[in-house]
Amino acid sequence: MAVNKKKGALMADKVKTKKGMLSGMTPVMTETDYVFVSLPPSEITPDIVEQAKATYQEQEGISLVLPLSFAEQKELPLSAPMRCITLNVYSDLEGVGLTAAVSTALADSNIPCNVIAAYHHDHLYVPSELSEKAFDILLELQKAS
């Protein structure tokens, strides 16, 4: 662990190599189902923002990842339910190969994968009904690295 001198926080050293990212990715899956939603800015309310796991401003509207139960309660237009698998490796933003390797492994088993790469970790959204299979594939990929 390294100390972030600006904030005084403990942070793990960033991993930049493909092998290092894959071997250290340690996937963790949520038990919550999520959906992707796209709304015009005029329909975004504080409670929607508070519940959002992620947001992204696109030309067509604001994309949000929301808990399925909340989106249903708000009667929002829903995508298929997905589970989030977080890769708990501190991958460097300039690291090469993690997304390609993970998405290829899942694609080879016909599992769709929507990746959100954040500052500290990558988060994979896979269909809920395929999430256990996806998780097992990621564990095998980690072991093989």
Protein backbone atom coordinates (compact mmCIF):
# COMPACT_ATOMS: atom_id res chain seq x y z
CA MET A 1 0.00 0.00 0.00
CA ALA A 2 1.14 3.49 -0.83
CA VAL A 3 0.10 6.67 0.92
CA ASN A 4 -1.59 9.35 -1.15
CA LYS A 5 0.35 12.35 0.18
CA LYS A 6 -2.27 14.90 -0.89
CA LYS A 7 -5.12 13.29 1.00
CA GLY A 8 -3.22 11.09 3.46
CA ALA A 9 -5.26 8.08 2.31
CA LEU A 10 -3.98 4.55 1.88
CA MET A 11 -4.06 3.37 -1.72
CA ALA A 12 -2.75 0.23 -3.35
CA ASP A 13 -0.09 0.62 -6.00
CA LYS A 14 -1.54 0.77 -9.51
CA VAL A 15 -1.06 -2.30 -11.72
CA LYS A 16 -0.25 -1.60 -15.38
CA THR A 17 0.69 -4.92 -16.98
CA LYS A 18 -1.93 -7.22 -18.49
CA LYS A 19 -0.66 -10.22 -16.54
CA GLY A 20 -0.61 -8.26 -13.28
CA MET A 21 -4.11 -6.91 -13.82
CA LEU A 22 -5.54 -10.33 -14.69
CA SER A 23 -3.83 -12.21 -11.88
CA GLY A 24 -4.86 -9.61 -9.33
CA MET A 25 -8.36 -8.82 -10.53
CA THR A 26 -10.19 -10.70 -7.70
CA PRO A 27 -13.79 -10.40 -8.97
CA VAL A 28 -16.61 -9.63 -6.52
CA MET A 29 -20.27 -9.82 -7.57
CA THR A 30 -23.16 -7.83 -6.15
CA GLU A 31 -26.42 -9.47 -5.14
CA THR A 32 -28.37 -6.47 -6.46
CA ASP A 33 -29.89 -6.41 -9.93
CA TYR A 34 -29.25 -3.21 -11.90
CA VAL A 35 -30.68 -1.74 -15.09
CA PHE A 36 -29.41 0.81 -17.58
CA VAL A 37 -31.74 3.77 -18.12
CA SER A 38 -31.51 6.79 -20.42
CA LEU A 39 -33.38 9.96 -19.48
CA PRO A 40 -33.45 13.55 -20.70
CA PRO A 41 -31.83 15.98 -18.22
CA SER A 42 -35.24 17.50 -17.45
CA GLU A 43 -36.39 14.16 -15.94
CA ILE A 44 -33.41 13.68 -13.63
CA THR A 45 -34.45 14.22 -10.02
CA PRO A 46 -32.25 14.30 -6.90
CA ASP A 47 -33.50 10.86 -5.78
CA ILE A 48 -32.56 9.36 -9.15
CA VAL A 49 -29.06 10.84 -8.91
CA GLU A 50 -28.74 9.58 -5.33
CA GLN A 51 -29.63 6.01 -6.37
CA ALA A 52 -27.42 5.97 -9.49
CA LYS A 53 -24.46 3.61 -9.39
CA ALA A 54 -23.08 5.42 -12.46
CA THR A 55 -24.03 8.21 -14.84
CA TYR A 56 -22.79 9.29 -18.23
CA GLN A 57 -23.86 12.28 -20.31
CA GLU A 58 -24.56 11.19 -23.89
CA GLN A 59 -25.91 13.18 -26.81
CA GLU A 60 -29.25 11.34 -26.56
CA GLY A 61 -29.66 11.86 -22.81
CA ILE A 62 -28.17 10.90 -19.47
CA SER A 63 -27.44 7.20 -19.07
CA LEU A 64 -27.75 5.86 -15.54
CA VAL A 65 -27.18 2.53 -13.87
CA LEU A 66 -29.88 2.11 -11.24
CA PRO A 67 -31.03 -0.64 -8.89
CA LEU A 68 -33.81 -2.58 -10.62
CA SER A 69 -36.20 -2.21 -7.68
CA PHE A 70 -35.80 1.57 -7.64
CA ALA A 71 -36.24 1.90 -11.43
CA GLU A 72 -39.39 -0.24 -11.28
CA GLN A 73 -40.76 1.84 -8.42
CA LYS A 74 -40.17 5.03 -10.46
CA GLU A 75 -41.70 3.34 -13.55
CA LEU A 76 -38.63 4.14 -15.65
CA PRO A 77 -37.94 2.48 -19.01
CA LEU A 78 -35.79 -0.56 -18.19
CA SER A 79 -33.07 -2.59 -19.82
CA ALA A 80 -32.61 -6.26 -18.97
CA PRO A 81 -31.55 -6.87 -15.33
CA MET A 82 -27.79 -7.08 -14.81
CA ARG A 83 -25.40 -7.89 -12.01
CA CYS A 84 -22.23 -5.95 -11.35
CA ILE A 85 -18.91 -7.78 -11.06
CA THR A 86 -16.17 -5.51 -9.76
CA LEU A 87 -12.58 -6.40 -10.57
CA ASN A 88 -10.78 -5.55 -7.34
CA VAL A 89 -7.39 -4.77 -8.81
CA TYR A 90 -6.11 -1.20 -8.80
CA SER A 91 -5.58 -1.08 -12.55
CA ASP A 92 -3.70 1.89 -13.91
CA LEU A 93 -5.74 4.09 -16.24
CA GLU A 94 -2.95 3.57 -18.80
CA GLY A 95 -2.87 -0.21 -18.33
CA VAL A 96 -3.46 -2.21 -21.50
CA GLY A 97 -5.33 -5.47 -21.99
CA LEU A 98 -7.62 -6.01 -19.00
CA THR A 99 -10.87 -4.97 -20.70
CA ALA A 100 -10.00 -6.86 -23.88
CA ALA A 101 -9.08 -10.07 -22.05
CA VAL A 102 -12.14 -10.04 -19.80
CA SER A 103 -14.63 -9.15 -22.53
CA THR A 104 -13.12 -11.76 -24.88
CA ALA A 105 -13.36 -14.50 -22.23
CA LEU A 106 -17.01 -13.66 -21.65
CA ALA A 107 -17.77 -13.25 -25.37
CA ASP A 108 -16.30 -16.71 -26.03
CA SER A 109 -19.09 -18.04 -23.79
CA ASN A 110 -21.70 -15.80 -25.42
CA ILE A 111 -22.08 -13.58 -22.34
CA PRO A 112 -22.76 -9.89 -23.00
CA CYS A 113 -20.66 -7.51 -20.94
CA ASN A 114 -20.99 -3.77 -20.39
CA VAL A 115 -17.82 -2.36 -18.84
CA ILE A 116 -17.58 0.79 -16.77
CA ALA A 117 -13.97 1.64 -16.10
CA ALA A 118 -13.78 3.96 -13.11
CA TYR A 119 -10.74 5.52 -11.42
CA HIS A 120 -9.91 2.62 -9.10
CA HIS A 121 -11.62 -0.44 -10.60
CA ASP A 122 -13.40 -1.85 -13.61
CA HIS A 123 -17.04 -2.84 -13.19
CA LEU A 124 -18.64 -5.41 -15.48
CA TYR A 125 -22.39 -5.53 -15.96
CA VAL A 126 -23.59 -8.91 -17.20
CA PRO A 127 -27.12 -10.32 -17.56
CA SER A 128 -28.34 -11.49 -14.16
CA GLU A 129 -29.25 -14.97 -15.43
CA LEU A 130 -25.67 -15.44 -16.70
CA SER A 131 -23.89 -13.78 -13.80
CA GLU A 132 -22.79 -16.97 -11.98
CA LYS A 133 -21.33 -18.38 -15.19
CA ALA A 134 -19.60 -15.06 -15.92
CA PHE A 135 -18.17 -14.98 -12.40
CA ASP A 136 -16.78 -18.51 -12.76
CA ILE A 137 -15.16 -17.61 -16.10
CA LEU A 138 -13.49 -14.59 -14.52
CA LEU A 139 -12.16 -16.70 -11.65
CA GLU A 140 -10.70 -19.18 -14.17
CA LEU A 141 -9.12 -16.32 -16.13
CA GLN A 142 -7.57 -14.99 -12.92
CA LYS A 143 -6.17 -18.43 -12.00
CA ALA A 144 -4.76 -18.95 -15.50
CA SER A 145 -2.82 -15.69 -15.23
